Amino acid sequence: MVAYGRHPCHRRNQASKTNITLTCRLSKPFYRATVNQECITAFNDLKLSKKYKYIIFKLSDDNKEIVIDKTGDSSEDYEVFREALMNATTKSRSGQVGKGPRYAVYDFEYQLASGEGTRNKITFIAWSPDDAGVMPKMIYASSKEALKRALTGIATELQANDADDIEFETIKKTVSKGTAA
């Protein structure tokens, strides 16, 4: 949320010392997307039955609902997931296609350096590439909390903006808090 007075639609009436908020499109409710029930079902399949290794979510074409973009079964390699995020596209209102943000959950598995065994952590990744359009990034940022609230059992959350942020070793270090081998 923008601090009062810093948004272009906020004005201060100098004569009466009162704050005035003008109507703008940034305050419209279309920024709050709902979560499709299939997203919750797929997440529970990932979490409980290990049916998926990852799920990538996107906003529907009308930006009103969060839906599943892609799932990966437990045999898929991390690089397939990474490439799917990096190649995600979004269509603008004018019909132009460009880089697009996504949400993802990935069931990270890693070995502890101490030799105590293997750990799994379900990680939520908010992918918003630096070269994506401003409007898609704003819509994704404002809808993220709705999805996170619907998906119970997320251990770690990451914000990723470039290819280095979603390198396996980078994420493993963050998820394991430095305890991975």
C-alpha atoms as a PDB file:
ATOM      1  CA  MET A   1       0.000   0.000   0.000  1.00  0.00           C
ATOM      2  CA  VAL A   2       1.232   3.486  -0.790  1.00  0.00           C
ATOM      3  CA  ALA A   3       1.825   5.806   2.155  1.00  0.00           C
ATOM      4  CA  TYR A   4      -0.695   8.622   2.256  1.00  0.00           C
ATOM      5  CA  GLY A   5       0.527  11.644   0.370  1.00  0.00           C
ATOM      6  CA  ARG A   6       2.980   9.719  -1.797  1.00  0.00           C
ATOM      7  CA  HIS A   7       0.454   8.484  -4.307  1.00  0.00           C
ATOM      8  CA  PRO A   8      -0.413  10.780  -7.252  1.00  0.00           C
ATOM      9  CA  CYS A   9      -4.113  10.674  -6.321  1.00  0.00           C
ATOM     10  CA  HIS A  10      -3.531  11.980  -2.794  1.00  0.00           C
ATOM     11  CA  ARG A  11      -3.756  15.732  -2.367  1.00  0.00           C
ATOM     12  CA  ARG A  12      -3.740  17.984   0.655  1.00  0.00           C
ATOM     13  CA  ASN A  13      -6.150  20.877   0.703  1.00  0.00           C
ATOM     14  CA  GLN A  14      -3.974  23.704   2.021  1.00  0.00           C
ATOM     15  CA  ALA A  15      -6.915  25.934   2.950  1.00  0.00           C
ATOM     16  CA  SER A  16      -8.682  23.451   5.220  1.00  0.00           C
ATOM     17  CA  LYS A  17      -5.667  21.216   6.038  1.00  0.00           C
ATOM     18  CA  THR A  18      -7.664  18.090   5.087  1.00  0.00           C
ATOM     19  CA  ASN A  19      -6.618  15.154   2.968  1.00  0.00           C
ATOM     20  CA  ILE A  20      -8.408  14.473  -0.303  1.00  0.00           C
ATOM     21  CA  THR A  21      -8.185  11.207  -2.208  1.00  0.00           C
ATOM     22  CA  LEU A  22      -9.153  11.321  -5.861  1.00  0.00           C
ATOM     23  CA  THR A  23     -10.527   8.239  -7.583  1.00  0.00           C
ATOM     24  CA  CYS A  24      -7.897   6.316  -9.491  1.00  0.00           C
ATOM     25  CA  ARG A  25      -7.566   2.936 -11.153  1.00  0.00           C
ATOM     26  CA  LEU A  26      -4.980   1.811  -8.569  1.00  0.00           C
ATOM     27  CA  SER A  27      -7.721   1.596  -5.963  1.00  0.00           C
ATOM     28  CA  LYS A  28     -10.017  -0.631  -8.044  1.00  0.00           C
ATOM     29  CA  PRO A  29     -10.662  -4.120  -6.656  1.00  0.00           C
ATOM     30  CA  PHE A  30      -9.524  -5.947  -9.826  1.00  0.00           C
ATOM     31  CA  TYR A  31      -6.134  -6.273  -8.166  1.00  0.00           C
ATOM     32  CA  ARG A  32      -7.462  -8.810  -5.681  1.00  0.00           C
ATOM     33  CA  ALA A  33      -7.696 -12.139  -7.476  1.00  0.00           C
ATOM     34  CA  THR A  34      -9.459 -15.155  -6.012  1.00  0.00           C
ATOM     35  CA  VAL A  35      -7.879 -18.601  -5.803  1.00  0.00           C
ATOM     36  CA  ASN A  36      -9.359 -21.357  -7.973  1.00  0.00           C
ATOM     37  CA  GLN A  37     -10.192 -24.513  -5.976  1.00  0.00           C
ATOM     38  CA  GLU A  38      -8.005 -26.608  -8.324  1.00  0.00           C
ATOM     39  CA  CYS A  39      -4.969 -24.720  -6.978  1.00  0.00           C
ATOM     40  CA  ILE A  40      -5.730 -25.822  -3.424  1.00  0.00           C
ATOM     41  CA  THR A  41      -6.423 -29.413  -4.481  1.00  0.00           C
ATOM     42  CA  ALA A  42      -3.159 -29.635  -6.446  1.00  0.00           C
ATOM     43  CA  PHE A  43      -1.205 -28.117  -3.542  1.00  0.00           C
ATOM     44  CA  ASN A  44      -2.653 -30.710  -1.163  1.00  0.00           C
ATOM     45  CA  ASP A  45      -1.639 -33.429  -3.649  1.00  0.00           C
ATOM     46  CA  LEU A  46       1.908 -32.018  -3.647  1.00  0.00           C
ATOM     47  CA  LYS A  47       2.026 -31.753   0.127  1.00  0.00           C
ATOM     48  CA  LEU A  48       0.310 -34.962   1.224  1.00  0.00           C
ATOM     49  CA  SER A  49       0.638 -37.535  -1.540  1.00  0.00           C
ATOM     50  CA  LYS A  50       3.800 -36.156  -3.240  1.00  0.00           C
ATOM     51  CA  LYS A  51       1.981 -36.359  -6.594  1.00  0.00           C
ATOM     52  CA  TYR A  52       3.802 -33.250  -7.830  1.00  0.00           C
ATOM     53  CA  LYS A  53       7.294 -31.852  -7.353  1.00  0.00           C
ATOM     54  CA  TYR A  54       6.153 -28.337  -8.234  1.00  0.00           C
ATOM     55  CA  ILE A  55       3.146 -26.267  -9.246  1.00  0.00           C
ATOM     56  CA  ILE A  56       3.319 -23.002 -11.169  1.00  0.00           C
ATOM     57  CA  PHE A  57       0.361 -20.657 -10.812  1.00  0.00           C
ATOM     58  CA  LYS A  58      -0.689 -17.721 -12.947  1.00  0.00           C
ATOM     59  CA  LEU A  59      -3.464 -15.173 -13.115  1.00  0.00           C
ATOM     60  CA  SER A  60      -6.291 -15.899 -15.520  1.00  0.00           C
ATOM     61  CA  ASP A  61      -6.530 -13.779 -18.663  1.00  0.00           C
ATOM     62  CA  ASP A  62      -9.030 -11.443 -16.979  1.00  0.00           C
ATOM     63  CA  ASN A  63      -6.777 -11.124 -13.852  1.00  0.00           C
ATOM     64  CA  LYS A  64      -9.630 -12.146 -11.558  1.00  0.00           C
ATOM     65  CA  GLU A  65      -8.549 -15.652 -10.585  1.00  0.00           C
ATOM     66  CA  ILE A  66      -5.338 -17.512  -9.762  1.00  0.00           C
ATOM     67  CA  VAL A  67      -5.180 -20.758 -11.756  1.00  0.00           C
ATOM     68  CA  ILE A  68      -2.680 -23.559 -12.387  1.00  0.00           C
ATOM     69  CA  ASP A  69      -0.237 -22.880 -15.207  1.00  0.00           C
ATOM     70  CA  LYS A  70       1.902 -26.034 -15.021  1.00  0.00           C
ATOM     71  CA  THR A  71       2.616 -28.962 -12.733  1.00  0.00           C
ATOM     72  CA  GLY A  72       5.627 -31.240 -12.610  1.00  0.00           C
ATOM     73  CA  ASP A  73       5.589 -34.796 -11.353  1.00  0.00           C
ATOM     74  CA  SER A  74       8.077 -35.992  -8.779  1.00  0.00           C
ATOM     75  CA  SER A  75      10.493 -37.298 -11.418  1.00  0.00           C
ATOM     76  CA  GLU A  76      11.034 -33.924 -13.155  1.00  0.00           C
ATOM     77  CA  ASP A  77      14.364 -32.165 -12.857  1.00  0.00           C
ATOM     78  CA  TYR A  78      14.704 -28.743 -11.186  1.00  0.00           C
ATOM     79  CA  GLU A  79      15.965 -27.207 -14.437  1.00  0.00           C
ATOM     80  CA  VAL A  80      12.624 -27.960 -16.139  1.00  0.00           C
ATOM     81  CA  PHE A  81      10.885 -25.997 -13.383  1.00  0.00           C
ATOM     82  CA  ARG A  82      13.395 -23.136 -13.618  1.00  0.00           C
ATOM     83  CA  GLU A  83      13.045 -22.882 -17.397  1.00  0.00           C
ATOM     84  CA  ALA A  84       9.243 -22.849 -17.118  1.00  0.00           C
ATOM     85  CA  LEU A  85       9.453 -19.857 -14.762  1.00  0.00           C
ATOM     86  CA  MET A  86      12.009 -18.004 -16.855  1.00  0.00           C
ATOM     87  CA  ASN A  87      10.006 -18.508 -20.064  1.00  0.00           C
ATOM     88  CA  ALA A  88       6.633 -17.513 -18.606  1.00  0.00           C
ATOM     89  CA  THR A  89       4.796 -14.875 -20.612  1.00  0.00           C
ATOM     90  CA  THR A  90       1.891 -12.531 -20.008  1.00  0.00           C
ATOM     91  CA  LYS A  91      -0.322 -10.787 -22.513  1.00  0.00           C
ATOM     92  CA  SER A  92      -0.934  -7.072 -21.932  1.00  0.00           C
ATOM     93  CA  ARG A  93      -4.284  -5.365 -22.479  1.00  0.00           C
ATOM     94  CA  SER A  94      -3.068  -4.247 -25.898  1.00  0.00           C
ATOM     95  CA  GLY A  95      -2.338  -7.872 -26.812  1.00  0.00           C
ATOM     96  CA  GLN A  96       1.435  -7.576 -26.628  1.00  0.00           C
ATOM     97  CA  VAL A  97       3.201 -10.633 -25.175  1.00  0.00           C
ATOM     98  CA  GLY A  98       6.128 -10.175 -22.794  1.00  0.00           C
ATOM     99  CA  LYS A  99       7.881 -11.730 -19.804  1.00  0.00           C
ATOM    100  CA  GLY A 100       5.417 -12.565 -17.079  1.00  0.00           C
ATOM    101  CA  PRO A 101       5.359 -13.020 -13.325  1.00  0.00           C
ATOM    102  CA  ARG A 102       4.250 -16.297 -11.749  1.00  0.00           C
ATOM    103  CA  TYR A 103       3.743 -17.885  -8.354  1.00  0.00           C
ATOM    104  CA  ALA A 104       5.183 -21.324  -7.697  1.00  0.00           C
ATOM    105  CA  VAL A 105       5.497 -23.908  -4.969  1.00  0.00           C
ATOM    106  CA  TYR A 106       8.356 -26.369  -5.060  1.00  0.00           C
ATOM    107  CA  ASP A 107       8.987 -29.302  -2.741  1.00  0.00           C
ATOM    108  CA  PHE A 108      12.716 -28.888  -2.093  1.00  0.00           C
ATOM    109  CA  GLU A 109      14.616 -31.912  -0.889  1.00  0.00           C
ATOM    110  CA  TYR A 110      18.147 -31.606   0.449  1.00  0.00           C
ATOM    111  CA  GLN A 111      20.700 -33.532   2.500  1.00  0.00           C
ATOM    112  CA  LEU A 112      21.850 -32.100   5.815  1.00  0.00           C
ATOM    113  CA  ALA A 113      25.571 -31.361   5.990  1.00  0.00           C
ATOM    114  CA  SER A 114      25.708 -32.941   9.446  1.00  0.00           C
ATOM    115  CA  GLY A 115      24.730 -36.301   7.919  1.00  0.00           C
ATOM    116  CA  GLU A 116      21.456 -36.467   9.850  1.00  0.00           C
ATOM    117  CA  GLY A 117      19.430 -37.314   6.736  1.00  0.00           C
ATOM    118  CA  THR A 118      17.173 -35.714   4.174  1.00  0.00           C
ATOM    119  CA  ARG A 119      14.764 -32.812   4.659  1.00  0.00           C
ATOM    120  CA  ASN A 120      11.872 -31.534   2.555  1.00  0.00           C
ATOM    121  CA  LYS A 121      10.566 -27.975   2.610  1.00  0.00           C
ATOM    122  CA  ILE A 122       7.676 -26.678   0.568  1.00  0.00           C
ATOM    123  CA  THR A 123       8.765 -23.311  -0.765  1.00  0.00           C
ATOM    124  CA  PHE A 124       6.598 -20.536  -2.183  1.00  0.00           C
ATOM    125  CA  ILE A 125       8.323 -18.528  -4.911  1.00  0.00           C
ATOM    126  CA  ALA A 126       7.013 -15.212  -6.161  1.00  0.00           C
ATOM    127  CA  TRP A 127       8.653 -14.880  -9.592  1.00  0.00           C
ATOM    128  CA  SER A 128       8.551 -11.333 -10.921  1.00  0.00           C
ATOM    129  CA  PRO A 129      11.289 -10.798 -13.513  1.00  0.00           C
ATOM    130  CA  ASP A 130      12.806  -7.338 -13.681  1.00  0.00           C
ATOM    131  CA  ASP A 131      12.018  -7.075 -17.386  1.00  0.00           C
ATOM    132  CA  ALA A 132       8.298  -7.869 -16.988  1.00  0.00           C
ATOM    133  CA  GLY A 133       5.738  -5.121 -17.474  1.00  0.00           C
ATOM    134  CA  VAL A 134       4.821  -2.831 -14.593  1.00  0.00           C
ATOM    135  CA  MET A 135       1.099  -3.620 -14.631  1.00  0.00           C
ATOM    136  CA  PRO A 136       1.493  -7.436 -14.443  1.00  0.00           C
ATOM    137  CA  LYS A 137       4.029  -7.061 -11.637  1.00  0.00           C
ATOM    138  CA  MET A 138       1.638  -4.835  -9.671  1.00  0.00           C
ATOM    139  CA  ILE A 139      -1.284  -7.222 -10.114  1.00  0.00           C
ATOM    140  CA  TYR A 140       0.784 -10.245  -9.097  1.00  0.00           C
ATOM    141  CA  ALA A 141       2.222  -8.468  -6.050  1.00  0.00           C
ATOM    142  CA  SER A 142      -1.216  -7.459  -4.798  1.00  0.00           C
ATOM    143  CA  SER A 143      -2.718 -10.932  -5.308  1.00  0.00           C
ATOM    144  CA  LYS A 144       0.106 -12.940  -3.708  1.00  0.00           C
ATOM    145  CA  GLU A 145      -1.312 -12.944  -0.178  1.00  0.00           C
ATOM    146  CA  ALA A 146      -4.608 -14.491  -1.298  1.00  0.00           C
ATOM    147  CA  LEU A 147      -2.759 -17.501  -2.687  1.00  0.00           C
ATOM    148  CA  LYS A 148      -0.427 -17.828   0.298  1.00  0.00           C
ATOM    149  CA  ARG A 149      -3.390 -17.806   2.694  1.00  0.00           C
ATOM    150  CA  ALA A 150      -5.115 -20.550   0.708  1.00  0.00           C
ATOM    151  CA  LEU A 151      -2.040 -22.823   0.694  1.00  0.00           C
ATOM    152  CA  THR A 152      -1.434 -23.997   4.243  1.00  0.00           C
ATOM    153  CA  GLY A 153       1.875 -25.691   4.940  1.00  0.00           C
ATOM    154  CA  ILE A 154       4.365 -23.446   3.160  1.00  0.00           C
ATOM    155  CA  ALA A 155       7.700 -23.537   4.996  1.00  0.00           C
ATOM    156  CA  THR A 156       9.608 -20.789   3.167  1.00  0.00           C
ATOM    157  CA  GLU A 157       8.790 -17.855   0.919  1.00  0.00           C
ATOM    158  CA  LEU A 158      11.150 -16.355  -1.650  1.00  0.00           C
ATOM    159  CA  GLN A 159      10.958 -13.338  -3.929  1.00  0.00           C
ATOM    160  CA  ALA A 160      12.826 -13.937  -7.189  1.00  0.00           C
ATOM    161  CA  ASN A 161      13.486 -11.259  -9.805  1.00  0.00           C
ATOM    162  CA  ASP A 162      16.240 -12.648 -12.031  1.00  0.00           C
ATOM    163  CA  ALA A 163      17.744 -15.969 -13.146  1.00  0.00           C
ATOM    164  CA  ASP A 164      20.319 -15.977 -10.334  1.00  0.00           C
ATOM    165  CA  ASP A 165      17.547 -15.815  -7.729  1.00  0.00           C
ATOM    166  CA  ILE A 166      16.157 -19.160  -8.901  1.00  0.00           C
ATOM    167  CA  GLU A 167      19.409 -21.108  -9.215  1.00  0.00           C
ATOM    168  CA  PHE A 168      19.052 -24.405  -7.335  1.00  0.00           C
ATOM    169  CA  GLU A 169      22.031 -23.774  -5.044  1.00  0.00           C
ATOM    170  CA  THR A 170      20.818 -20.258  -4.180  1.00  0.00           C
ATOM    171  CA  ILE A 171      17.385 -21.494  -3.183  1.00  0.00           C
ATOM    172  CA  LYS A 172      18.758 -24.553  -1.373  1.00  0.00           C
ATOM    173  CA  LYS A 173      20.967 -22.301   0.754  1.00  0.00           C
ATOM    174  CA  THR A 174      17.993 -20.087   1.666  1.00  0.00           C
ATOM    175  CA  VAL A 175      15.560 -22.954   2.284  1.00  0.00           C
ATOM    176  CA  SER A 176      18.004 -24.964   4.397  1.00  0.00           C
ATOM    177  CA  LYS A 177      19.293 -21.876   6.227  1.00  0.00           C
ATOM    178  CA  GLY A 178      22.815 -23.011   5.412  1.00  0.00           C
ATOM    179  CA  THR A 179      22.471 -26.557   6.832  1.00  0.00           C
ATOM    180  CA  ALA A 180      22.400 -28.385   3.465  1.00  0.00           C
ATOM    181  CA  ALA A 181      25.330 -30.396   2.192  1.00  0.00           C
END
